Amino acid sequence: MKKIMRNAFIVVTALSAVSQLSGCATRQVALQYSSSMSPPAVSCSPTVRIGDFKDTRSDRSLGCVRNGFGMKLADVAAKPGGTSVPQWILTALYDELKRAGCSIAPQGSGNEARFTIIGEVQRVYVDSYMRMMGEMSVALCVKNGDRTVLSQLYHAEASKMNWWSSSQEFQQTLDMTLQDLMKTMVPDVVSTMSMNNETAPVTAKNPSASPQVAVKPIAPPETLSVAEPVVQAEPTAPAAAVTPKTTVDIATQLKKLKELKDLGLVTEEEYEAKRKELVGKL
């Protein structure tokens, strides 16, 4: 038993020595993504344009190599000339949404897209000690026309046993962390697009068409303004005759007011103020 323990100690010591001797060299990894999920299928096959993903990380390295005492020996970086971190995440999202049934409109194309996705990469890092610990934070925004339908900060983590602190091990941990991120992010995006595909507006492709979009909702504010005196019933008029008509008018105005808010033509504050005013007249 003592011999086995002694041999095991020698092996561990040798591995640690090899790791420390090679630890000062910067690890360079090729950023790749291999899908490990079955994305939920969208019910409406929406057209999506994926915009830029900004890199706002305070630490642009991808991780660090530590020795047996926890001291930092070297950094981890993407291979020069290879895929950048934002492009790596963007490509993974592109692949998963395409597998889910979305139609992806290329950037810079004239094709009209109902949804636009933009993002911000806040952290991508793998810390190595006894285990490889990967973490990633990405802020995502989904817009339908000019209206934001999803704004969320996603955080993912993954870990594996650290044997050699090799470039391949760092690459595997980064891939696992991105897989974990996609498992949370993609279902949210697909669900949001499915719920908003039919009800939310699409920004007009031709600027000259904008007046036509604006003309239709202009009438309701005038109707709302004109309808206000209806509540002031004449003292001689029977209450039973006035109340049903007034209730119907106010219900109609509330419905039109809600349509204006959904179209983005009135702010949330304007909507609430007018709604309270109309409800108070019932």
C-alpha atoms as a PDB file:
ATOM      1  CA  MET A   1       0.000   0.000   0.000  1.00  0.00           C
ATOM      2  CA  LYS A   2       2.823   2.356   0.906  1.00  0.00           C
ATOM      3  CA  LYS A   3       4.542   1.544  -2.367  1.00  0.00           C
ATOM      4  CA  ILE A   4       1.384   2.387  -4.323  1.00  0.00           C
ATOM      5  CA  MET A   5       1.003   5.684  -2.530  1.00  0.00           C
ATOM      6  CA  ARG A   6       4.661   6.518  -3.091  1.00  0.00           C
ATOM      7  CA  ASN A   7       4.384   5.771  -6.806  1.00  0.00           C
ATOM      8  CA  ALA A   8       1.228   7.860  -7.060  1.00  0.00           C
ATOM      9  CA  PHE A   9       2.991  10.782  -5.359  1.00  0.00           C
ATOM     10  CA  ILE A  10       5.900  10.509  -7.794  1.00  0.00           C
ATOM     11  CA  VAL A  11       3.523  10.542 -10.796  1.00  0.00           C
ATOM     12  CA  VAL A  12       1.598  13.581  -9.492  1.00  0.00           C
ATOM     13  CA  THR A  13       4.823  15.414  -8.752  1.00  0.00           C
ATOM     14  CA  ALA A  14       6.168  14.661 -12.217  1.00  0.00           C
ATOM     15  CA  LEU A  15       2.974  15.849 -13.885  1.00  0.00           C
ATOM     16  CA  SER A  16       3.016  19.023 -11.838  1.00  0.00           C
ATOM     17  CA  ALA A  17       6.639  19.655 -12.775  1.00  0.00           C
ATOM     18  CA  VAL A  18       5.928  19.176 -16.471  1.00  0.00           C
ATOM     19  CA  SER A  19       2.901  21.473 -16.244  1.00  0.00           C
ATOM     20  CA  GLN A  20       4.905  24.191 -14.502  1.00  0.00           C
ATOM     21  CA  LEU A  21       7.807  23.921 -16.926  1.00  0.00           C
ATOM     22  CA  SER A  22       5.476  24.428 -19.878  1.00  0.00           C
ATOM     23  CA  GLY A  23       3.150  26.824 -18.063  1.00  0.00           C
ATOM     24  CA  CYS A  24       4.910  30.050 -19.024  1.00  0.00           C
ATOM     25  CA  ALA A  25       4.020  29.709 -22.703  1.00  0.00           C
ATOM     26  CA  THR A  26       0.854  31.542 -23.770  1.00  0.00           C
ATOM     27  CA  ARG A  27      -1.884  29.133 -24.780  1.00  0.00           C
ATOM     28  CA  GLN A  28      -3.422  29.903 -28.162  1.00  0.00           C
ATOM     29  CA  VAL A  29      -6.812  28.409 -28.973  1.00  0.00           C
ATOM     30  CA  ALA A  30      -8.908  28.183 -32.121  1.00  0.00           C
ATOM     31  CA  LEU A  31     -12.424  29.329 -31.288  1.00  0.00           C
ATOM     32  CA  GLN A  32     -14.873  26.732 -32.592  1.00  0.00           C
ATOM     33  CA  TYR A  33     -18.432  25.741 -31.775  1.00  0.00           C
ATOM     34  CA  SER A  34     -19.984  22.281 -31.837  1.00  0.00           C
ATOM     35  CA  SER A  35     -23.705  22.159 -31.145  1.00  0.00           C
ATOM     36  CA  SER A  36     -24.930  19.864 -28.379  1.00  0.00           C
ATOM     37  CA  MET A  37     -28.607  20.852 -28.278  1.00  0.00           C
ATOM     38  CA  SER A  38     -31.857  20.317 -30.139  1.00  0.00           C
ATOM     39  CA  PRO A  39     -33.216  23.854 -30.576  1.00  0.00           C
ATOM     40  CA  PRO A  40     -36.993  24.323 -30.307  1.00  0.00           C
ATOM     41  CA  ALA A  41     -38.613  24.757 -33.708  1.00  0.00           C
ATOM     42  CA  VAL A  42     -40.213  28.125 -34.411  1.00  0.00           C
ATOM     43  CA  SER A  43     -43.878  28.039 -35.368  1.00  0.00           C
ATOM     44  CA  CYS A  44     -43.733  30.899 -37.876  1.00  0.00           C
ATOM     45  CA  SER A  45     -40.307  30.742 -39.646  1.00  0.00           C
ATOM     46  CA  PRO A  46     -39.520  34.442 -39.057  1.00  0.00           C
ATOM     47  CA  THR A  47     -36.858  36.344 -40.975  1.00  0.00           C
ATOM     48  CA  VAL A  48     -33.997  37.413 -38.706  1.00  0.00           C
ATOM     49  CA  ARG A  49     -31.010  39.669 -39.206  1.00  0.00           C
ATOM     50  CA  ILE A  50     -28.155  39.198 -36.723  1.00  0.00           C
ATOM     51  CA  GLY A  51     -26.323  42.487 -36.242  1.00  0.00           C
ATOM     52  CA  ASP A  52     -23.001  43.286 -34.624  1.00  0.00           C
ATOM     53  CA  PHE A  53     -21.917  41.861 -31.286  1.00  0.00           C
ATOM     54  CA  LYS A  54     -19.782  44.417 -29.440  1.00  0.00           C
ATOM     55  CA  ASP A  55     -16.802  43.254 -27.390  1.00  0.00           C
ATOM     56  CA  THR A  56     -16.846  45.211 -24.099  1.00  0.00           C
ATOM     57  CA  ARG A  57     -14.714  42.813 -22.031  1.00  0.00           C
ATOM     58  CA  SER A  58     -12.354  44.515 -19.600  1.00  0.00           C
ATOM     59  CA  ASP A  59      -9.976  41.528 -19.883  1.00  0.00           C
ATOM     60  CA  ARG A  60      -9.453  40.546 -23.526  1.00  0.00           C
ATOM     61  CA  SER A  61      -7.564  37.355 -22.685  1.00  0.00           C
ATOM     62  CA  LEU A  62      -9.517  34.091 -22.724  1.00  0.00           C
ATOM     63  CA  GLY A  63      -8.135  32.706 -19.484  1.00  0.00           C
ATOM     64  CA  CYS A  64      -4.987  31.943 -17.532  1.00  0.00           C
ATOM     65  CA  VAL A  65      -2.679  29.077 -16.633  1.00  0.00           C
ATOM     66  CA  ARG A  66      -1.933  28.553 -12.930  1.00  0.00           C
ATOM     67  CA  ASN A  67       0.617  26.390 -11.157  1.00  0.00           C
ATOM     68  CA  GLY A  68       0.000  24.081  -8.194  1.00  0.00           C
ATOM     69  CA  PHE A  69       0.121  27.046  -5.812  1.00  0.00           C
ATOM     70  CA  GLY A  70      -2.528  28.987  -7.739  1.00  0.00           C
ATOM     71  CA  MET A  71      -0.031  31.487  -9.165  1.00  0.00           C
ATOM     72  CA  LYS A  72      -0.758  32.826 -12.642  1.00  0.00           C
ATOM     73  CA  LEU A  73       1.870  31.671 -15.128  1.00  0.00           C
ATOM     74  CA  ALA A  74       0.480  32.534 -18.565  1.00  0.00           C
ATOM     75  CA  ASP A  75      -2.488  33.909 -20.473  1.00  0.00           C
ATOM     76  CA  VAL A  76      -4.796  32.229 -22.945  1.00  0.00           C
ATOM     77  CA  ALA A  77      -5.527  33.975 -26.242  1.00  0.00           C
ATOM     78  CA  ALA A  78      -7.276  33.332 -29.547  1.00  0.00           C
ATOM     79  CA  LYS A  79      -5.009  32.293 -32.402  1.00  0.00           C
ATOM     80  CA  PRO A  80      -3.869  35.307 -34.463  1.00  0.00           C
ATOM     81  CA  GLY A  81      -5.889  35.647 -37.639  1.00  0.00           C
ATOM     82  CA  GLY A  82      -8.554  33.281 -36.356  1.00  0.00           C
ATOM     83  CA  THR A  83     -12.161  33.846 -35.357  1.00  0.00           C
ATOM     84  CA  SER A  84     -12.747  36.741 -32.949  1.00  0.00           C
ATOM     85  CA  VAL A  85     -14.755  36.240 -29.758  1.00  0.00           C
ATOM     86  CA  PRO A  86     -17.845  38.233 -30.940  1.00  0.00           C
ATOM     87  CA  GLN A  87     -17.829  36.445 -34.317  1.00  0.00           C
ATOM     88  CA  TRP A  88     -17.514  33.085 -32.545  1.00  0.00           C
ATOM     89  CA  ILE A  89     -20.641  33.730 -30.451  1.00  0.00           C
ATOM     90  CA  LEU A  90     -22.522  35.287 -33.387  1.00  0.00           C
ATOM     91  CA  THR A  91     -21.792  32.247 -35.578  1.00  0.00           C
ATOM     92  CA  ALA A  92     -23.047  29.858 -32.888  1.00  0.00           C
ATOM     93  CA  LEU A  93     -26.303  31.827 -32.564  1.00  0.00           C
ATOM     94  CA  TYR A  94     -26.661  31.927 -36.363  1.00  0.00           C
ATOM     95  CA  ASP A  95     -26.274  28.137 -36.627  1.00  0.00           C
ATOM     96  CA  GLU A  96     -28.734  27.381 -33.814  1.00  0.00           C
ATOM     97  CA  LEU A  97     -31.435  29.766 -35.100  1.00  0.00           C
ATOM     98  CA  LYS A  98     -31.079  28.341 -38.598  1.00  0.00           C
ATOM     99  CA  ARG A  99     -31.479  24.831 -37.190  1.00  0.00           C
ATOM    100  CA  ALA A 100     -34.600  26.049 -35.352  1.00  0.00           C
ATOM    101  CA  GLY A 101     -36.200  27.031 -38.679  1.00  0.00           C
ATOM    102  CA  CYS A 102     -35.480  30.770 -38.847  1.00  0.00           C
ATOM    103  CA  SER A 103     -34.695  32.484 -42.127  1.00  0.00           C
ATOM    104  CA  ILE A 104     -31.465  34.467 -41.684  1.00  0.00           C
ATOM    105  CA  ALA A 105     -31.117  37.696 -43.693  1.00  0.00           C
ATOM    106  CA  PRO A 106     -27.449  38.472 -44.462  1.00  0.00           C
ATOM    107  CA  GLN A 107     -26.036  41.694 -43.032  1.00  0.00           C
ATOM    108  CA  GLY A 108     -25.986  44.560 -45.502  1.00  0.00           C
ATOM    109  CA  SER A 109     -28.564  42.901 -47.756  1.00  0.00           C
ATOM    110  CA  GLY A 110     -31.696  44.701 -48.888  1.00  0.00           C
ATOM    111  CA  ASN A 111     -33.900  41.860 -47.654  1.00  0.00           C
ATOM    112  CA  GLU A 112     -36.504  42.906 -45.129  1.00  0.00           C
ATOM    113  CA  ALA A 113     -36.153  41.200 -41.746  1.00  0.00           C
ATOM    114  CA  ARG A 114     -38.889  41.165 -39.135  1.00  0.00           C
ATOM    115  CA  PHE A 115     -36.461  40.713 -36.241  1.00  0.00           C
ATOM    116  CA  THR A 116     -32.990  42.130 -35.584  1.00  0.00           C
ATOM    117  CA  ILE A 117     -30.624  40.698 -32.978  1.00  0.00           C
ATOM    118  CA  ILE A 118     -27.681  42.586 -31.508  1.00  0.00           C
ATOM    119  CA  GLY A 119     -25.442  41.708 -28.575  1.00  0.00           C
ATOM    120  CA  GLU A 120     -22.643  42.700 -26.236  1.00  0.00           C
ATOM    121  CA  VAL A 121     -19.934  40.316 -25.053  1.00  0.00           C
ATOM    122  CA  GLN A 122     -19.092  41.216 -21.456  1.00  0.00           C
ATOM    123  CA  ARG A 123     -16.970  38.277 -20.300  1.00  0.00           C
ATOM    124  CA  VAL A 124     -15.385  35.113 -21.712  1.00  0.00           C
ATOM    125  CA  TYR A 125     -12.808  33.476 -19.445  1.00  0.00           C
ATOM    126  CA  VAL A 126     -11.413  30.097 -18.410  1.00  0.00           C
ATOM    127  CA  ASP A 127      -9.533  29.872 -15.126  1.00  0.00           C
ATOM    128  CA  SER A 128      -7.413  26.761 -14.621  1.00  0.00           C
ATOM    129  CA  TYR A 129      -6.314  25.206 -11.382  1.00  0.00           C
ATOM    130  CA  MET A 130      -7.335  21.682 -10.398  1.00  0.00           C
ATOM    131  CA  ARG A 131     -10.268  22.102 -12.788  1.00  0.00           C
ATOM    132  CA  MET A 132     -10.930  24.198 -15.866  1.00  0.00           C
ATOM    133  CA  MET A 133     -13.651  26.715 -14.943  1.00  0.00           C
ATOM    134  CA  GLY A 134     -15.226  28.548 -17.878  1.00  0.00           C
ATOM    135  CA  GLU A 135     -17.661  31.451 -17.621  1.00  0.00           C
ATOM    136  CA  MET A 136     -19.359  33.690 -20.150  1.00  0.00           C
ATOM    137  CA  SER A 137     -21.675  36.737 -19.987  1.00  0.00           C
ATOM    138  CA  VAL A 138     -23.484  38.107 -23.053  1.00  0.00           C
ATOM    139  CA  ALA A 139     -26.175  40.801 -23.219  1.00  0.00           C
ATOM    140  CA  LEU A 140     -28.729  40.188 -25.978  1.00  0.00           C
ATOM    141  CA  CYS A 141     -31.360  42.465 -27.517  1.00  0.00           C
ATOM    142  CA  VAL A 142     -34.071  41.380 -29.982  1.00  0.00           C
ATOM    143  CA  LYS A 143     -36.016  44.059 -31.851  1.00  0.00           C
ATOM    144  CA  ASN A 144     -39.152  43.866 -33.953  1.00  0.00           C
ATOM    145  CA  GLY A 145     -38.932  46.971 -36.096  1.00  0.00           C
ATOM    146  CA  ASP A 146     -38.146  49.760 -33.637  1.00  0.00           C
ATOM    147  CA  ARG A 147     -39.661  47.924 -30.676  1.00  0.00           C
ATOM    148  CA  THR A 148     -37.508  45.931 -28.243  1.00  0.00           C
ATOM    149  CA  VAL A 149     -39.166  42.579 -27.527  1.00  0.00           C
ATOM    150  CA  LEU A 150     -36.318  40.934 -25.583  1.00  0.00           C
ATOM    151  CA  SER A 151     -33.458  42.418 -23.566  1.00  0.00           C
ATOM    152  CA  GLN A 152     -31.582  39.983 -21.358  1.00  0.00           C
ATOM    153  CA  LEU A 153     -28.142  39.332 -19.841  1.00  0.00           C
ATOM    154  CA  TYR A 154     -27.176  35.668 -20.174  1.00  0.00           C
ATOM    155  CA  HIS A 155     -24.540  33.955 -18.036  1.00  0.00           C
ATOM    156  CA  ALA A 156     -23.114  30.478 -18.596  1.00  0.00           C
ATOM    157  CA  GLU A 157     -20.591  28.264 -16.812  1.00  0.00           C
ATOM    158  CA  ALA A 158     -18.856  24.975 -17.560  1.00  0.00           C
ATOM    159  CA  SER A 159     -16.008  22.974 -16.025  1.00  0.00           C
ATOM    160  CA  LYS A 160     -13.847  19.938 -16.649  1.00  0.00           C
ATOM    161  CA  MET A 161     -10.858  18.211 -15.061  1.00  0.00           C
ATOM    162  CA  ASN A 162      -7.556  19.965 -15.715  1.00  0.00           C
ATOM    163  CA  TRP A 163      -4.820  17.547 -16.718  1.00  0.00           C
ATOM    164  CA  TRP A 164      -2.181  19.491 -18.639  1.00  0.00           C
ATOM    165  CA  SER A 165      -3.530  23.057 -18.991  1.00  0.00           C
ATOM    166  CA  SER A 166      -3.112  22.501 -22.714  1.00  0.00           C
ATOM    167  CA  SER A 167      -4.516  24.654 -25.493  1.00  0.00           C
ATOM    168  CA  GLN A 168      -6.879  21.825 -26.442  1.00  0.00           C
ATOM    169  CA  GLU A 169      -8.274  21.661 -22.903  1.00  0.00           C
ATOM    170  CA  PHE A 170      -8.915  25.400 -22.876  1.00  0.00           C
ATOM    171  CA  GLN A 171     -10.582  25.121 -26.283  1.00  0.00           C
ATOM    172  CA  GLN A 172     -12.853  22.294 -25.064  1.00  0.00           C
ATOM    173  CA  THR A 173     -13.860  24.275 -21.961  1.00  0.00           C
ATOM    174  CA  LEU A 174     -14.687  27.364 -24.031  1.00  0.00           C
ATOM    175  CA  ASP A 175     -16.786  25.248 -26.384  1.00  0.00           C
ATOM    176  CA  MET A 176     -18.653  23.687 -23.443  1.00  0.00           C
ATOM    177  CA  THR A 177     -19.329  27.143 -21.969  1.00  0.00           C
ATOM    178  CA  LEU A 178     -20.734  28.465 -25.245  1.00  0.00           C
ATOM    179  CA  GLN A 179     -22.921  25.364 -25.550  1.00  0.00           C
ATOM    180  CA  ASP A 180     -24.355  26.114 -22.107  1.00  0.00           C
ATOM    181  CA  LEU A 181     -25.012  29.730 -23.154  1.00  0.00           C
ATOM    182  CA  MET A 182     -26.874  28.657 -26.317  1.00  0.00           C
ATOM    183  CA  LYS A 183     -29.068  26.237 -24.334  1.00  0.00           C
ATOM    184  CA  THR A 184     -30.513  29.206 -22.427  1.00  0.00           C
ATOM    185  CA  MET A 185     -30.364  31.942 -25.036  1.00  0.00           C
ATOM    186  CA  VAL A 186     -31.795  30.217 -28.126  1.00  0.00           C
ATOM    187  CA  PRO A 187     -35.081  28.994 -26.531  1.00  0.00           C
ATOM    188  CA  ASP A 188     -35.717  32.521 -25.221  1.00  0.00           C
ATOM    189  CA  VAL A 189     -35.134  34.068 -28.651  1.00  0.00           C
ATOM    190  CA  VAL A 190     -37.289  31.477 -30.434  1.00  0.00           C
ATOM    191  CA  SER A 191     -40.136  31.874 -27.920  1.00  0.00           C
ATOM    192  CA  THR A 192     -40.014  35.674 -28.163  1.00  0.00           C
ATOM    193  CA  MET A 193     -40.136  35.655 -31.958  1.00  0.00           C
ATOM    194  CA  SER A 194     -43.004  33.152 -32.000  1.00  0.00           C
ATOM    195  CA  MET A 195     -45.082  35.361 -29.673  1.00  0.00           C
ATOM    196  CA  ASN A 196     -44.351  38.616 -31.526  1.00  0.00           C
ATOM    197  CA  ASN A 197     -44.223  37.521 -35.149  1.00  0.00           C
ATOM    198  CA  GLU A 198     -47.896  38.238 -35.903  1.00  0.00           C
ATOM    199  CA  THR A 199     -48.642  41.162 -33.596  1.00  0.00           C
ATOM    200  CA  ALA A 200     -45.605  43.440 -33.752  1.00  0.00           C
ATOM    201  CA  PRO A 201     -44.966  45.900 -36.608  1.00  0.00           C
ATOM    202  CA  VAL A 202     -42.182  45.697 -39.156  1.00  0.00           C
ATOM    203  CA  THR A 203     -40.218  48.840 -39.975  1.00  0.00           C
ATOM    204  CA  ALA A 204     -41.159  50.081 -43.430  1.00  0.00           C
ATOM    205  CA  LYS A 205     -38.562  49.110 -46.036  1.00  0.00           C
ATOM    206  CA  ASN A 206     -39.388  52.137 -48.236  1.00  0.00           C
ATOM    207  CA  PRO A 207     -39.242  55.459 -46.341  1.00  0.00           C
ATOM    208  CA  SER A 208     -41.927  56.892 -48.627  1.00  0.00           C
ATOM    209  CA  ALA A 209     -44.364  54.343 -47.188  1.00  0.00           C
ATOM    210  CA  SER A 210     -44.052  55.786 -43.705  1.00  0.00           C
ATOM    211  CA  PRO A 211     -46.833  58.389 -44.127  1.00  0.00           C
ATOM    212  CA  GLN A 212     -49.235  55.582 -45.090  1.00  0.00           C
ATOM    213  CA  VAL A 213     -48.392  53.740 -41.883  1.00  0.00           C
ATOM    214  CA  ALA A 214     -48.834  56.900 -39.846  1.00  0.00           C
ATOM    215  CA  VAL A 215     -52.106  58.056 -41.420  1.00  0.00           C
ATOM    216  CA  LYS A 216     -54.225  55.215 -40.085  1.00  0.00           C
ATOM    217  CA  PRO A 217     -53.485  55.686 -36.363  1.00  0.00           C
ATOM    218  CA  ILE A 218     -53.821  59.508 -36.429  1.00  0.00           C
ATOM    219  CA  ALA A 219     -57.637  59.449 -36.225  1.00  0.00           C
ATOM    220  CA  PRO A 220     -57.960  57.752 -32.801  1.00  0.00           C
ATOM    221  CA  PRO A 221     -56.380  60.629 -30.810  1.00  0.00           C
ATOM    222  CA  GLU A 222     -58.902  63.033 -32.368  1.00  0.00           C
ATOM    223  CA  THR A 223     -61.688  60.607 -31.554  1.00  0.00           C
ATOM    224  CA  LEU A 224     -60.486  60.372 -27.994  1.00  0.00           C
ATOM    225  CA  SER A 225     -60.431  64.147 -27.683  1.00  0.00           C
ATOM    226  CA  VAL A 226     -63.877  64.611 -29.234  1.00  0.00           C
ATOM    227  CA  ALA A 227     -65.433  61.824 -27.219  1.00  0.00           C
ATOM    228  CA  GLU A 228     -64.632  63.416 -23.866  1.00  0.00           C
ATOM    229  CA  PRO A 229     -67.742  65.679 -23.754  1.00  0.00           C
ATOM    230  CA  VAL A 230     -69.996  62.621 -24.234  1.00  0.00           C
ATOM    231  CA  VAL A 231     -69.477  61.822 -20.566  1.00  0.00           C
ATOM    232  CA  GLN A 232     -71.038  65.152 -19.601  1.00  0.00           C
ATOM    233  CA  ALA A 233     -74.652  64.067 -20.030  1.00  0.00           C
ATOM    234  CA  GLU A 234     -77.387  66.674 -19.992  1.00  0.00           C
ATOM    235  CA  PRO A 235     -79.234  66.757 -16.632  1.00  0.00           C
ATOM    236  CA  THR A 236     -82.552  66.116 -18.409  1.00  0.00           C
ATOM    237  CA  ALA A 237     -81.307  63.011 -20.231  1.00  0.00           C
ATOM    238  CA  PRO A 238     -82.205  59.714 -18.559  1.00  0.00           C
ATOM    239  CA  ALA A 239     -79.171  58.049 -17.032  1.00  0.00           C
ATOM    240  CA  ALA A 240     -80.203  54.652 -18.361  1.00  0.00           C
ATOM    241  CA  ALA A 241     -80.135  55.978 -21.960  1.00  0.00           C
ATOM    242  CA  VAL A 242     -76.720  57.671 -21.664  1.00  0.00           C
ATOM    243  CA  THR A 243     -74.736  55.069 -19.721  1.00  0.00           C
ATOM    244  CA  PRO A 244     -74.746  52.188 -22.289  1.00  0.00           C
ATOM    245  CA  LYS A 245     -73.681  54.490 -25.130  1.00  0.00           C
ATOM    246  CA  THR A 246     -70.979  56.110 -23.033  1.00  0.00           C
ATOM    247  CA  THR A 247     -69.675  52.721 -21.911  1.00  0.00           C
ATOM    248  CA  VAL A 248     -69.452  51.495 -25.511  1.00  0.00           C
ATOM    249  CA  ASP A 249     -67.667  54.701 -26.611  1.00  0.00           C
ATOM    250  CA  ILE A 250     -65.138  54.476 -23.795  1.00  0.00           C
ATOM    251  CA  ALA A 251     -64.520  50.769 -24.469  1.00  0.00           C
ATOM    252  CA  THR A 252     -63.880  51.597 -28.129  1.00  0.00           C
ATOM    253  CA  GLN A 253     -61.522  54.402 -27.171  1.00  0.00           C
ATOM    254  CA  LEU A 254     -59.628  52.135 -24.771  1.00  0.00           C
ATOM    255  CA  LYS A 255     -59.218  49.548 -27.520  1.00  0.00           C
ATOM    256  CA  LYS A 256     -57.897  52.146 -29.966  1.00  0.00           C
ATOM    257  CA  LEU A 257     -55.606  53.559 -27.304  1.00  0.00           C
ATOM    258  CA  LYS A 258     -54.134  50.075 -26.724  1.00  0.00           C
ATOM    259  CA  GLU A 259     -53.561  49.710 -30.498  1.00  0.00           C
ATOM    260  CA  LEU A 260     -51.677  53.011 -30.555  1.00  0.00           C
ATOM    261  CA  LYS A 261     -49.445  51.860 -27.699  1.00  0.00           C
ATOM    262  CA  ASP A 262     -48.725  48.514 -29.399  1.00  0.00           C
ATOM    263  CA  LEU A 263     -47.790  50.376 -32.588  1.00  0.00           C
ATOM    264  CA  GLY A 264     -45.387  52.539 -30.607  1.00  0.00           C
ATOM    265  CA  LEU A 265     -47.214  55.772 -31.462  1.00  0.00           C
ATOM    266  CA  VAL A 266     -47.813  56.704 -27.820  1.00  0.00           C
ATOM    267  CA  THR A 267     -45.474  56.271 -24.887  1.00  0.00           C
ATOM    268  CA  GLU A 268     -46.208  54.108 -21.860  1.00  0.00           C
ATOM    269  CA  GLU A 269     -46.751  57.241 -19.743  1.00  0.00           C
ATOM    270  CA  GLU A 270     -49.184  58.750 -22.262  1.00  0.00           C
ATOM    271  CA  TYR A 271     -51.033  55.473 -22.504  1.00  0.00           C
ATOM    272  CA  GLU A 272     -51.453  55.080 -18.725  1.00  0.00           C
ATOM    273  CA  ALA A 273     -52.547  58.698 -18.256  1.00  0.00           C
ATOM    274  CA  LYS A 274     -55.230  58.504 -20.952  1.00  0.00           C
ATOM    275  CA  ARG A 275     -56.369  55.040 -19.873  1.00  0.00           C
ATOM    276  CA  LYS A 276     -56.914  56.204 -16.272  1.00  0.00           C
ATOM    277  CA  GLU A 277     -58.802  59.207 -17.549  1.00  0.00           C
ATOM    278  CA  LEU A 278     -61.154  57.054 -19.631  1.00  0.00           C
ATOM    279  CA  VAL A 279     -61.643  54.401 -16.942  1.00  0.00           C
ATOM    280  CA  GLY A 280     -62.544  57.161 -14.484  1.00  0.00           C
ATOM    281  CA  LYS A 281     -65.472  58.118 -16.712  1.00  0.00           C
ATOM    282  CA  LEU A 282     -67.117  54.702 -16.500  1.00  0.00           C
END
